[in-house]
Amino acid sequence: MMLMTTNNAFTEVIENLHFSLDHKMKTATLLPKMKEHYSGDIILPEKVKDNNGVEYSVIALEDSCFENCNGLTSIDIPSSVTSLGDHCFKKCI
């Protein structure tokens, strides 16, 4: 599923992870899930491809991305991620 969020950004679910994709900069930001929380072992890729095969570098985790994700057991964050949003891991224990 792809939804437009701004002139250059769309949201898309890729391998059960929710991303905002900036088509101009070719970057991706991990978003919080809307109806449930992330759980289990999360392995964030360094790059993702949208439904059209366009590649984006994963550079950030959005504000509150993993907030209240009590079911997380591990998160692997690639070195391409240079920004963690506010409250990214709040109440994540």
PDB file of N, CA and C in Angstrom:
ATOM      1  N   MET A   1       0.823  -1.164   0.000  1.00  0.00           N
ATOM      2  CA  MET A   1       0.000   0.000   0.000  1.00  0.00           C
ATOM      3  C   MET A   1       0.879   1.243   0.000  1.00  0.00           C
ATOM      4  N   MET A   2       0.534   2.242  -0.823  1.00  0.00           N
ATOM      5  CA  MET A   2       1.302   3.473  -0.902  1.00  0.00           C
ATOM      6  C   MET A   2       0.347   4.649  -0.722  1.00  0.00           C
ATOM      7  N   LEU A   3       0.686   5.581   0.165  1.00  0.00           N
ATOM      8  CA  LEU A   3      -0.098   6.781   0.392  1.00  0.00           C
ATOM      9  C   LEU A   3       0.792   7.996   0.265  1.00  0.00           C
ATOM     10  N   MET A   4       0.289   9.055  -0.365  1.00  0.00           N
ATOM     11  CA  MET A   4       1.064  10.289  -0.504  1.00  0.00           C
ATOM     12  C   MET A   4       0.971  11.082   0.794  1.00  0.00           C
ATOM     13  N   THR A   5       2.120  11.591   1.290  1.00  0.00           N
ATOM     14  CA  THR A   5       2.128  12.377   2.516  1.00  0.00           C
ATOM     15  C   THR A   5       2.535  13.826   2.266  1.00  0.00           C
ATOM     16  N   THR A   6       3.450  14.075   1.353  1.00  0.00           N
ATOM     17  CA  THR A   6       3.848  15.438   0.965  1.00  0.00           C
ATOM     18  C   THR A   6       4.130  15.392  -0.522  1.00  0.00           C
ATOM     19  N   ASN A   7       4.620  16.498  -1.068  1.00  0.00           N
ATOM     20  CA  ASN A   7       4.928  16.541  -2.494  1.00  0.00           C
ATOM     21  C   ASN A   7       5.942  15.490  -2.922  1.00  0.00           C
ATOM     22  N   ASN A   8       6.905  15.185  -2.067  1.00  0.00           N
ATOM     23  CA  ASN A   8       7.971  14.266  -2.438  1.00  0.00           C
ATOM     24  C   ASN A   8       7.966  12.963  -1.642  1.00  0.00           C
ATOM     25  N   ALA A   9       7.062  12.807  -0.684  1.00  0.00           N
ATOM     26  CA  ALA A   9       7.115  11.633   0.188  1.00  0.00           C
ATOM     27  C   ALA A   9       5.833  10.807   0.100  1.00  0.00           C
ATOM     28  N   PHE A  10       6.017   9.502   0.178  1.00  0.00           N
ATOM     29  CA  PHE A  10       4.923   8.547   0.202  1.00  0.00           C
ATOM     30  C   PHE A  10       5.169   7.587   1.354  1.00  0.00           C
ATOM     31  N   THR A  11       4.111   6.997   1.877  1.00  0.00           N
ATOM     32  CA  THR A  11       4.299   5.938   2.862  1.00  0.00           C
ATOM     33  C   THR A  11       4.042   4.605   2.177  1.00  0.00           C
ATOM     34  N   GLU A  12       4.838   3.627   2.576  1.00  0.00           N
ATOM     35  CA  GLU A  12       4.708   2.299   1.979  1.00  0.00           C
ATOM     36  C   GLU A  12       5.128   1.248   2.995  1.00  0.00           C
ATOM     37  N   VAL A  13       4.443   0.114   2.986  1.00  0.00           N
ATOM     38  CA  VAL A  13       4.810  -1.010   3.847  1.00  0.00           C
ATOM     39  C   VAL A  13       5.711  -1.922   3.031  1.00  0.00           C
ATOM     40  N   ILE A  14       6.924  -2.141   3.541  1.00  0.00           N
ATOM     41  CA  ILE A  14       7.914  -2.979   2.875  1.00  0.00           C
ATOM     42  C   ILE A  14       8.383  -4.018   3.878  1.00  0.00           C
ATOM     43  N   GLU A  15       8.140  -5.295   3.586  1.00  0.00           N
ATOM     44  CA  GLU A  15       8.513  -6.393   4.474  1.00  0.00           C
ATOM     45  C   GLU A  15       8.001  -6.169   5.898  1.00  0.00           C
ATOM     46  N   ASN A  16       6.738  -5.772   6.011  1.00  0.00           N
ATOM     47  CA  ASN A  16       6.042  -5.550   7.274  1.00  0.00           C
ATOM     48  C   ASN A  16       6.604  -4.384   8.096  1.00  0.00           C
ATOM     49  N   LEU A  17       7.410  -3.532   7.477  1.00  0.00           N
ATOM     50  CA  LEU A  17       7.903  -2.320   8.117  1.00  0.00           C
ATOM     51  C   LEU A  17       7.286  -1.128   7.388  1.00  0.00           C
ATOM     52  N   HIS A  18       6.893  -0.098   8.144  1.00  0.00           N
ATOM     53  CA  HIS A  18       6.223   1.064   7.582  1.00  0.00           C
ATOM     54  C   HIS A  18       7.250   2.180   7.350  1.00  0.00           C
ATOM     55  N   PHE A  19       7.334   2.669   6.116  1.00  0.00           N
ATOM     56  CA  PHE A  19       8.318   3.684   5.760  1.00  0.00           C
ATOM     57  C   PHE A  19       7.673   4.894   5.118  1.00  0.00           C
ATOM     58  N   SER A  20       8.274   6.053   5.353  1.00  0.00           N
ATOM     59  CA  SER A  20       8.015   7.246   4.570  1.00  0.00           C
ATOM     60  C   SER A  20       9.154   7.319   3.564  1.00  0.00           C
ATOM     61  N   LEU A  21       8.816   7.358   2.282  1.00  0.00           N
ATOM     62  CA  LEU A  21       9.827   7.376   1.217  1.00  0.00           C
ATOM     63  C   LEU A  21       9.868   8.744   0.569  1.00  0.00           C
ATOM     64  N   ASP A  22      11.042   9.361   0.587  1.00  0.00           N
ATOM     65  CA  ASP A  22      11.225  10.657  -0.065  1.00  0.00           C
ATOM     66  C   ASP A  22      11.752  10.405  -1.470  1.00  0.00           C
ATOM     67  N   HIS A  23      10.887  10.610  -2.457  1.00  0.00           N
ATOM     68  CA  HIS A  23      11.246  10.302  -3.841  1.00  0.00           C
ATOM     69  C   HIS A  23      12.326  11.229  -4.390  1.00  0.00           C
ATOM     70  N   LYS A  24      12.392  12.452  -3.906  1.00  0.00           N
ATOM     71  CA  LYS A  24      13.398  13.403  -4.379  1.00  0.00           C
ATOM     72  C   LYS A  24      14.790  13.051  -3.838  1.00  0.00           C
ATOM     73  N   MET A  25      14.865  12.790  -2.540  1.00  0.00           N
ATOM     74  CA  MET A  25      16.162  12.514  -1.897  1.00  0.00           C
ATOM     75  C   MET A  25      16.531  11.029  -1.925  1.00  0.00           C
ATOM     76  N   LYS A  26      15.567  10.155  -2.267  1.00  0.00           N
ATOM     77  CA  LYS A  26      15.774   8.693  -2.281  1.00  0.00           C
ATOM     78  C   LYS A  26      16.173   8.186  -0.900  1.00  0.00           C
ATOM     79  N   THR A  27      15.450   8.700   0.125  1.00  0.00           N
ATOM     80  CA  THR A  27      15.685   8.271   1.500  1.00  0.00           C
ATOM     81  C   THR A  27      14.396   7.714   2.098  1.00  0.00           C
ATOM     82  N   ALA A  28      14.571   6.880   3.134  1.00  0.00           N
ATOM     83  CA  ALA A  28      13.445   6.252   3.820  1.00  0.00           C
ATOM     84  C   ALA A  28      13.554   6.481   5.318  1.00  0.00           C
ATOM     85  N   THR A  29      12.400   6.722   5.951  1.00  0.00           N
ATOM     86  CA  THR A  29      12.311   6.885   7.394  1.00  0.00           C
ATOM     87  C   THR A  29      11.323   5.852   7.918  1.00  0.00           C
ATOM     88  N   LEU A  30      11.735   5.068   8.920  1.00  0.00           N
ATOM     89  CA  LEU A  30      10.845   4.079   9.516  1.00  0.00           C
ATOM     90  C   LEU A  30       9.791   4.796  10.344  1.00  0.00           C
ATOM     91  N   LEU A  31       8.535   4.417  10.150  1.00  0.00           N
ATOM     92  CA  LEU A  31       7.399   5.007  10.856  1.00  0.00           C
ATOM     93  C   LEU A  31       6.841   4.027  11.885  1.00  0.00           C
ATOM     94  N   PRO A  32       6.122   4.544  12.894  1.00  0.00           N
ATOM     95  CA  PRO A  32       5.415   3.635  13.798  1.00  0.00           C
ATOM     96  C   PRO A  32       4.297   2.925  13.044  1.00  0.00           C
ATOM     97  N   LYS A  33       3.945   1.732  13.492  1.00  0.00           N
ATOM     98  CA  LYS A  33       2.777   1.055  12.927  1.00  0.00           C
ATOM     99  C   LYS A  33       1.536   1.778  13.426  1.00  0.00           C
ATOM    100  N   MET A  34       0.501   1.825  12.611  1.00  0.00           N
ATOM    101  CA  MET A  34      -0.687   2.587  12.958  1.00  0.00           C
ATOM    102  C   MET A  34      -1.662   1.821  13.862  1.00  0.00           C
ATOM    103  N   LYS A  35      -1.883   0.545  13.636  1.00  0.00           N
ATOM    104  CA  LYS A  35      -2.908  -0.190  14.376  1.00  0.00           C
ATOM    105  C   LYS A  35      -2.344  -1.175  15.394  1.00  0.00           C
ATOM    106  N   GLU A  36      -1.065  -1.428  15.331  1.00  0.00           N
ATOM    107  CA  GLU A  36      -0.432  -2.368  16.255  1.00  0.00           C
ATOM    108  C   GLU A  36       0.995  -1.895  16.492  1.00  0.00           C
ATOM    109  N   HIS A  37       1.732  -2.651  17.286  1.00  0.00           N
ATOM    110  CA  HIS A  37       3.117  -2.288  17.586  1.00  0.00           C
ATOM    111  C   HIS A  37       4.066  -3.302  16.957  1.00  0.00           C
ATOM    112  N   TYR A  38       5.281  -2.837  16.672  1.00  0.00           N
ATOM    113  CA  TYR A  38       6.319  -3.758  16.227  1.00  0.00           C
ATOM    114  C   TYR A  38       6.618  -4.737  17.366  1.00  0.00           C
ATOM    115  N   SER A  39       6.987  -5.957  17.019  1.00  0.00           N
ATOM    116  CA  SER A  39       7.326  -6.942  18.046  1.00  0.00           C
ATOM    117  C   SER A  39       8.332  -7.940  17.479  1.00  0.00           C
ATOM    118  N   GLY A  40       8.910  -8.726  18.367  1.00  0.00           N
ATOM    119  CA  GLY A  40       9.873  -9.742  17.961  1.00  0.00           C
ATOM    120  C   GLY A  40      11.228  -9.140  17.614  1.00  0.00           C
ATOM    121  N   ASP A  41      11.937  -9.805  16.725  1.00  0.00           N
ATOM    122  CA  ASP A  41      13.253  -9.351  16.272  1.00  0.00           C
ATOM    123  C   ASP A  41      13.069  -8.478  15.037  1.00  0.00           C
ATOM    124  N   ILE A  42      13.518  -7.240  15.116  1.00  0.00           N
ATOM    125  CA  ILE A  42      13.409  -6.301  13.994  1.00  0.00           C
ATOM    126  C   ILE A  42      14.791  -6.109  13.387  1.00  0.00           C
ATOM    127  N   ILE A  43      14.905  -6.368  12.103  1.00  0.00           N
ATOM    128  CA  ILE A  43      16.149  -6.125  11.381  1.00  0.00           C
ATOM    129  C   ILE A  43      15.852  -5.077  10.317  1.00  0.00           C
ATOM    130  N   LEU A  44      16.337  -3.869  10.559  1.00  0.00           N
ATOM    131  CA  LEU A  44      16.135  -2.796   9.591  1.00  0.00           C
ATOM    132  C   LEU A  44      17.179  -2.915   8.489  1.00  0.00           C
ATOM    133  N   PRO A  45      16.750  -2.893   7.251  1.00  0.00           N
ATOM    134  CA  PRO A  45      17.718  -2.960   6.159  1.00  0.00           C
ATOM    135  C   PRO A  45      18.378  -1.594   5.945  1.00  0.00           C
ATOM    136  N   GLU A  46      19.549  -1.607   5.354  1.00  0.00           N
ATOM    137  CA  GLU A  46      20.223  -0.353   5.016  1.00  0.00           C
ATOM    138  C   GLU A  46      19.506   0.344   3.855  1.00  0.00           C
ATOM    139  N   LYS A  47      18.935  -0.457   2.959  1.00  0.00           N
ATOM    140  CA  LYS A  47      18.213   0.071   1.807  1.00  0.00           C
ATOM    141  C   LYS A  47      16.927  -0.721   1.616  1.00  0.00           C
ATOM    142  N   VAL A  48      15.906  -0.043   1.088  1.00  0.00           N
ATOM    143  CA  VAL A  48      14.639  -0.701   0.749  1.00  0.00           C
ATOM    144  C   VAL A  48      14.259  -0.322  -0.675  1.00  0.00           C
ATOM    145  N   LYS A  49      13.436  -1.166  -1.297  1.00  0.00           N
ATOM    146  CA  LYS A  49      12.913  -0.881  -2.636  1.00  0.00           C
ATOM    147  C   LYS A  49      11.406  -0.744  -2.554  1.00  0.00           C
ATOM    148  N   ASP A  50      10.861   0.279  -3.235  1.00  0.00           N
ATOM    149  CA  ASP A  50       9.412   0.446  -3.266  1.00  0.00           C
ATOM    150  C   ASP A  50       8.787  -0.525  -4.263  1.00  0.00           C
ATOM    151  N   ASN A  51       7.486  -0.439  -4.434  1.00  0.00           N
ATOM    152  CA  ASN A  51       6.770  -1.351  -5.329  1.00  0.00           C
ATOM    153  C   ASN A  51       7.209  -1.241  -6.781  1.00  0.00           C
ATOM    154  N   ASN A  52       7.841  -0.121  -7.136  1.00  0.00           N
ATOM    155  CA  ASN A  52       8.325   0.088  -8.507  1.00  0.00           C
ATOM    156  C   ASN A  52       9.794  -0.288  -8.673  1.00  0.00           C
ATOM    157  N   GLY A  53      10.422  -0.794  -7.600  1.00  0.00           N
ATOM    158  CA  GLY A  53      11.824  -1.195  -7.673  1.00  0.00           C
ATOM    159  C   GLY A  53      12.815  -0.075  -7.430  1.00  0.00           C
ATOM    160  N   VAL A  54      12.330   1.113  -7.057  1.00  0.00           N
ATOM    161  CA  VAL A  54      13.225   2.241  -6.765  1.00  0.00           C
ATOM    162  C   VAL A  54      13.826   2.034  -5.375  1.00  0.00           C
ATOM    163  N   GLU A  55      15.145   2.230  -5.256  1.00  0.00           N
ATOM    164  CA  GLU A  55      15.867   1.978  -4.009  1.00  0.00           C
ATOM    165  C   GLU A  55      16.008   3.256  -3.188  1.00  0.00           C
ATOM    166  N   TYR A  56      15.849   3.111  -1.863  1.00  0.00           N
ATOM    167  CA  TYR A  56      15.948   4.223  -0.917  1.00  0.00           C
ATOM    168  C   TYR A  56      16.874   3.830   0.225  1.00  0.00           C
ATOM    169  N   SER A  57      17.697   4.766   0.693  1.00  0.00           N
ATOM    170  CA  SER A  57      18.551   4.544   1.863  1.00  0.00           C
ATOM    171  C   SER A  57      17.745   4.808   3.126  1.00  0.00           C
ATOM    172  N   VAL A  58      17.788   3.877   4.063  1.00  0.00           N
ATOM    173  CA  VAL A  58      17.099   4.051   5.343  1.00  0.00           C
ATOM    174  C   VAL A  58      17.984   4.923   6.223  1.00  0.00           C
ATOM    175  N   ILE A  59      17.487   6.135   6.552  1.00  0.00           N
ATOM    176  CA  ILE A  59      18.330   7.102   7.265  1.00  0.00           C
ATOM    177  C   ILE A  59      17.817   7.518   8.634  1.00  0.00           C
ATOM    178  N   ALA A  60      16.552   7.190   8.958  1.00  0.00           N
ATOM    179  CA  ALA A  60      15.994   7.714  10.208  1.00  0.00           C
ATOM    180  C   ALA A  60      14.889   6.825  10.758  1.00  0.00           C
ATOM    181  N   LEU A  61      14.674   6.981  12.074  1.00  0.00           N
ATOM    182  CA  LEU A  61      13.538   6.387  12.764  1.00  0.00           C
ATOM    183  C   LEU A  61      12.668   7.552  13.238  1.00  0.00           C
ATOM    184  N   GLU A  62      11.410   7.536  12.869  1.00  0.00           N
ATOM    185  CA  GLU A  62      10.465   8.614  13.174  1.00  0.00           C
ATOM    186  C   GLU A  62      10.212   8.732  14.678  1.00  0.00           C
ATOM    187  N   ASP A  63       9.718   9.898  15.104  1.00  0.00           N
ATOM    188  CA  ASP A  63       9.315  10.096  16.496  1.00  0.00           C
ATOM    189  C   ASP A  63       8.388   8.968  16.932  1.00  0.00           C
ATOM    190  N   SER A  64       8.597   8.475  18.134  1.00  0.00           N
ATOM    191  CA  SER A  64       7.750   7.446  18.753  1.00  0.00           C
ATOM    192  C   SER A  64       7.668   6.151  17.950  1.00  0.00           C
ATOM    193  N   CYS A  65       8.650   5.897  17.128  1.00  0.00           N
ATOM    194  CA  CYS A  65       8.636   4.754  16.219  1.00  0.00           C
ATOM    195  C   CYS A  65       8.393   3.422  16.937  1.00  0.00           C
ATOM    196  N   PHE A  66       9.059   3.203  18.039  1.00  0.00           N
ATOM    197  CA  PHE A  66       8.907   1.959  18.790  1.00  0.00           C
ATOM    198  C   PHE A  66       8.261   2.189  20.159  1.00  0.00           C
ATOM    199  N   GLU A  67       7.607   3.318  20.343  1.00  0.00           N
ATOM    200  CA  GLU A  67       6.963   3.621  21.624  1.00  0.00           C
ATOM    201  C   GLU A  67       5.928   2.550  21.960  1.00  0.00           C
ATOM    202  N   ASN A  68       5.960   2.093  23.201  1.00  0.00           N
ATOM    203  CA  ASN A  68       5.040   1.075  23.719  1.00  0.00           C
ATOM    204  C   ASN A  68       5.155  -0.278  23.015  1.00  0.00           C
ATOM    205  N   CYS A  69       6.279  -0.543  22.397  1.00  0.00           N
ATOM    206  CA  CYS A  69       6.482  -1.837  21.723  1.00  0.00           C
ATOM    207  C   CYS A  69       7.063  -2.834  22.720  1.00  0.00           C
ATOM    208  N   ASN A  70       6.246  -3.282  23.634  1.00  0.00           N
ATOM    209  CA  ASN A  70       6.687  -4.173  24.708  1.00  0.00           C
ATOM    210  C   ASN A  70       7.109  -5.542  24.211  1.00  0.00           C
ATOM    211  N   GLY A  71       6.694  -5.945  23.016  1.00  0.00           N
ATOM    212  CA  GLY A  71       7.006  -7.265  22.498  1.00  0.00           C
ATOM    213  C   GLY A  71       8.299  -7.345  21.709  1.00  0.00           C
ATOM    214  N   LEU A  72       9.084  -6.271  21.700  1.00  0.00           N
ATOM    215  CA  LEU A  72      10.366  -6.317  20.989  1.00  0.00           C
ATOM    216  C   LEU A  72      11.359  -7.186  21.733  1.00  0.00           C
ATOM    217  N   THR A  73      12.107  -7.990  20.994  1.00  0.00           N
ATOM    218  CA  THR A  73      13.181  -8.775  21.614  1.00  0.00           C
ATOM    219  C   THR A  73      14.545  -8.273  21.183  1.00  0.00           C
ATOM    220  N   SER A  74      14.649  -7.723  19.957  1.00  0.00           N
ATOM    221  CA  SER A  74      15.906  -7.123  19.501  1.00  0.00           C
ATOM    222  C   SER A  74      15.636  -6.225  18.295  1.00  0.00           C
ATOM    223  N   ILE A  75      16.536  -5.264  18.097  1.00  0.00           N
ATOM    224  CA  ILE A  75      16.460  -4.371  16.941  1.00  0.00           C
ATOM    225  C   ILE A  75      17.864  -4.221  16.384  1.00  0.00           C
ATOM    226  N   ASP A  76      18.021  -4.488  15.101  1.00  0.00           N
ATOM    227  CA  ASP A  76      19.291  -4.303  14.405  1.00  0.00           C
ATOM    228  C   ASP A  76      19.138  -3.057  13.539  1.00  0.00           C
ATOM    229  N   ILE A  77      19.891  -2.005  13.873  1.00  0.00           N
ATOM    230  CA  ILE A  77      19.809  -0.732  13.162  1.00  0.00           C
ATOM    231  C   ILE A  77      21.069  -0.555  12.328  1.00  0.00           C
ATOM    232  N   PRO A  78      20.934  -0.357  11.010  1.00  0.00           N
ATOM    233  CA  PRO A  78      22.113  -0.221  10.155  1.00  0.00           C
ATOM    234  C   PRO A  78      22.826   1.118  10.359  1.00  0.00           C
ATOM    235  N   SER A  79      24.076   1.178   9.952  1.00  0.00           N
ATOM    236  CA  SER A  79      24.863   2.410  10.106  1.00  0.00           C
ATOM    237  C   SER A  79      24.353   3.545   9.231  1.00  0.00           C
ATOM    238  N   SER A  80      23.493   3.251   8.263  1.00  0.00           N
ATOM    239  CA  SER A  80      22.925   4.308   7.420  1.00  0.00           C
ATOM    240  C   SER A  80      21.944   5.188   8.200  1.00  0.00           C
ATOM    241  N   VAL A  81      21.423   4.680   9.336  1.00  0.00           N
ATOM    242  CA  VAL A  81      20.501   5.460  10.166  1.00  0.00           C
ATOM    243  C   VAL A  81      21.309   6.445  10.996  1.00  0.00           C
ATOM    244  N   THR A  82      21.040   7.724  10.755  1.00  0.00           N
ATOM    245  CA  THR A  82      21.790   8.780  11.448  1.00  0.00           C
ATOM    246  C   THR A  82      20.900   9.641  12.331  1.00  0.00           C
ATOM    247  N   SER A  83      19.605   9.327  12.398  1.00  0.00           N
ATOM    248  CA  SER A  83      18.686  10.131  13.188  1.00  0.00           C
ATOM    249  C   SER A  83      17.648   9.244  13.872  1.00  0.00           C
ATOM    250  N   LEU A  84      17.506   9.441  15.190  1.00  0.00           N
ATOM    251  CA  LEU A  84      16.470   8.753  15.963  1.00  0.00           C
ATOM    252  C   LEU A  84      15.486   9.808  16.444  1.00  0.00           C
ATOM    253  N   GLY A  85      14.219   9.623  16.155  1.00  0.00           N
ATOM    254  CA  GLY A  85      13.196  10.589  16.546  1.00  0.00           C
ATOM    255  C   GLY A  85      12.998  10.649  18.047  1.00  0.00           C
ATOM    256  N   ASP A  86      12.345  11.730  18.491  1.00  0.00           N
ATOM    257  CA  ASP A  86      12.024  11.899  19.903  1.00  0.00           C
ATOM    258  C   ASP A  86      11.162  10.738  20.376  1.00  0.00           C
ATOM    259  N   HIS A  87      11.408  10.281  21.582  1.00  0.00           N
ATOM    260  CA  HIS A  87      10.634   9.221  22.216  1.00  0.00           C
ATOM    261  C   HIS A  87      10.618   7.928  21.395  1.00  0.00           C
ATOM    262  N   CYS A  88      11.647   7.720  20.609  1.00  0.00           N
ATOM    263  CA  CYS A  88      11.715   6.576  19.701  1.00  0.00           C
ATOM    264  C   CYS A  88      11.531   5.247  20.415  1.00  0.00           C
ATOM    265  N   PHE A  89      12.073   5.132  21.621  1.00  0.00           N
ATOM    266  CA  PHE A  89      11.989   3.870  22.371  1.00  0.00           C
ATOM    267  C   PHE A  89      11.252   4.042  23.705  1.00  0.00           C
ATOM    268  N   LYS A  90      10.402   5.041  23.810  1.00  0.00           N
ATOM    269  CA  LYS A  90       9.681   5.315  25.043  1.00  0.00           C
ATOM    270  C   LYS A  90       8.773   4.142  25.426  1.00  0.00           C
ATOM    271  N   LYS A  91       8.822   3.761  26.678  1.00  0.00           N
ATOM    272  CA  LYS A  91       7.995   2.667  27.228  1.00  0.00           C
ATOM    273  C   LYS A  91       8.146   1.386  26.412  1.00  0.00           C
ATOM    274  N   CYS A  92       9.378   1.079  26.082  1.00  0.00           N
ATOM    275  CA  CYS A  92       9.673  -0.050  25.206  1.00  0.00           C
ATOM    276  C   CYS A  92      10.183  -1.264  25.985  1.00  0.00           C
ATOM    277  N   ILE A  93      10.107  -1.209  27.295  1.00  0.00           N
ATOM    278  CA  ILE A  93      10.645  -2.285  28.132  1.00  0.00           C
ATOM    279  C   ILE A  93       9.598  -3.356  28.322  1.00  0.00           C
TER     280      ILE A  93
END
